[in-house]
Amino acid sequence: MSEAKTLSRRSFFQYTLTAAIATPMLMSSAELFAQAKCPATPPAGKMVAKVGEGMAKSLHYVEDAKTSKHAKYKAGSDCANCKFYNKAKLEGGYAPCTMMGMRYVSGCGWCATYSLKA
């Protein structure tokens, strides 16, 4: 006869406490890993916004939001969570932006028209 394993009250609380402590740490490390992966090369054959040219220049576009020195920039705001970034057409970390005339921009980028997607 095999004996059924039962979970003691003490074990239950130990597992619960461990899970409660580990979950936020795992979530923050996943966010850091995701932020570290900015695309290095734009998709081939697509119109890409170039820093310092045309609309990109007038909108103060940068390919890495963390490097922006613009007064409107706030940490955590980047193209990937902007309402003008078209994620449906995402290719290799780049997607078209309405404000850039549908030119492809980096998801890690930022410009002065940034508006958080609702």
Protein backbone atom coordinates (compact mmCIF):
# COMPACT_ATOMS: atom_id res chain seq x y z
CA MET A 1 0.00 0.00 0.00
CA SER A 2 1.31 3.43 -0.82
CA GLU A 3 0.91 6.16 1.68
CA ALA A 4 -0.65 9.39 0.37
CA LYS A 5 1.49 12.47 0.86
CA THR A 6 -0.23 15.30 2.62
CA LEU A 7 0.87 18.88 2.79
CA SER A 8 1.30 20.08 6.34
CA ARG A 9 0.21 23.51 7.38
CA ARG A 10 3.82 24.52 8.02
CA SER A 11 4.92 23.35 4.55
CA PHE A 12 2.04 25.20 2.93
CA PHE A 13 3.10 28.50 4.52
CA GLN A 14 6.75 27.89 3.64
CA TYR A 15 5.87 27.34 -0.03
CA THR A 16 3.56 30.36 -0.07
CA LEU A 17 6.18 32.65 1.47
CA THR A 18 8.85 31.41 -0.94
CA ALA A 19 6.57 32.03 -3.93
CA ALA A 20 5.63 35.50 -2.65
CA ILE A 21 9.30 36.46 -2.35
CA ALA A 22 10.48 34.87 -5.61
CA THR A 23 7.75 36.17 -7.93
CA PRO A 24 8.67 39.90 -7.86
CA MET A 25 12.35 39.06 -8.29
CA LEU A 26 11.65 36.89 -11.32
CA MET A 27 9.39 39.53 -12.85
CA SER A 28 11.95 42.32 -12.45
CA SER A 29 14.74 40.18 -13.93
CA ALA A 30 12.52 39.37 -16.92
CA GLU A 31 11.88 43.10 -17.47
CA LEU A 32 15.59 43.88 -17.29
CA PHE A 33 16.32 41.13 -19.79
CA ALA A 34 13.66 42.44 -22.17
CA GLN A 35 14.96 46.02 -21.90
CA ALA A 36 18.51 44.91 -22.65
CA LYS A 37 17.45 43.51 -26.04
CA CYS A 38 17.26 46.52 -28.32
CA PRO A 39 17.47 45.73 -32.03
CA ALA A 40 20.81 46.47 -33.62
CA THR A 41 19.86 46.34 -37.28
CA PRO A 42 16.69 47.67 -38.91
CA PRO A 43 14.61 45.43 -41.18
CA ALA A 44 15.92 45.23 -44.74
CA GLY A 45 13.93 46.93 -47.47
CA LYS A 46 11.85 49.10 -45.11
CA MET A 47 11.80 52.89 -44.81
CA VAL A 48 13.53 53.53 -41.48
CA ALA A 49 13.56 56.84 -39.59
CA LYS A 50 17.12 58.11 -39.37
CA VAL A 51 18.21 60.04 -36.28
CA GLY A 52 18.91 63.67 -37.17
CA GLU A 53 17.07 63.65 -40.52
CA GLY A 54 13.63 64.99 -41.52
CA MET A 55 10.78 64.24 -39.11
CA ALA A 56 13.13 62.36 -36.79
CA LYS A 57 15.16 65.52 -36.30
CA SER A 58 12.16 67.78 -35.69
CA LEU A 59 10.63 65.28 -33.24
CA HIS A 60 13.95 64.72 -31.39
CA TYR A 61 13.87 60.97 -32.16
CA VAL A 62 16.55 58.78 -30.61
CA GLU A 63 16.98 55.03 -31.20
CA ASP A 64 17.64 54.36 -27.50
CA ALA A 65 15.22 56.17 -25.19
CA LYS A 66 17.69 56.07 -22.29
CA THR A 67 20.00 58.40 -24.21
CA SER A 68 17.37 61.14 -24.65
CA LYS A 69 18.17 64.46 -23.04
CA HIS A 70 14.83 66.04 -23.97
CA ALA A 71 12.87 67.73 -21.15
CA LYS A 72 9.69 65.72 -21.91
CA TYR A 73 11.42 62.34 -21.64
CA LYS A 74 10.48 60.22 -18.61
CA ALA A 75 12.14 56.94 -17.70
CA GLY A 76 10.20 53.93 -18.95
CA SER A 77 8.68 55.69 -21.95
CA ASP A 78 9.72 54.27 -25.31
CA CYS A 79 8.27 53.63 -28.75
CA ALA A 80 7.18 50.07 -27.88
CA ASN A 81 4.53 51.39 -25.46
CA CYS A 82 3.52 54.47 -27.49
CA LYS A 83 0.09 54.73 -29.11
CA PHE A 84 1.62 55.76 -32.46
CA TYR A 85 3.78 52.58 -32.70
CA ASN A 86 2.12 49.96 -34.95
CA LYS A 87 3.01 46.65 -33.26
CA ALA A 88 0.89 44.71 -35.78
CA LYS A 89 3.66 45.24 -38.35
CA LEU A 90 6.58 44.56 -35.97
CA GLU A 91 9.73 43.24 -37.66
CA GLY A 92 12.88 42.53 -35.69
CA GLY A 93 12.16 45.09 -32.98
CA TYR A 94 11.14 47.80 -35.47
CA ALA A 95 7.61 48.86 -36.43
CA PRO A 96 6.09 51.77 -38.36
CA CYS A 97 5.23 54.96 -36.50
CA THR A 98 2.32 57.20 -37.47
CA MET A 99 4.16 60.35 -36.39
CA MET A 100 7.22 59.47 -38.50
CA GLY A 101 5.19 59.09 -41.70
CA MET A 102 4.93 55.30 -41.24
CA ARG A 103 8.71 54.92 -41.27
CA TYR A 104 10.01 52.09 -39.11
CA VAL A 105 11.39 53.05 -35.69
CA SER A 106 13.07 51.03 -32.96
CA GLY A 107 10.86 49.78 -30.12
CA CYS A 108 13.55 51.09 -27.75
CA GLY A 109 13.39 54.56 -29.31
CA TRP A 110 11.67 57.74 -28.16
CA CYS A 111 10.51 61.05 -29.65
CA ALA A 112 8.84 64.23 -28.40
CA THR A 113 5.35 63.08 -29.54
CA TYR A 114 5.44 60.05 -27.22
CA SER A 115 2.01 59.25 -25.80
CA LEU A 116 1.39 56.22 -23.61
CA LYS A 117 -0.87 53.64 -25.22
CA ALA A 118 -4.15 53.41 -23.31
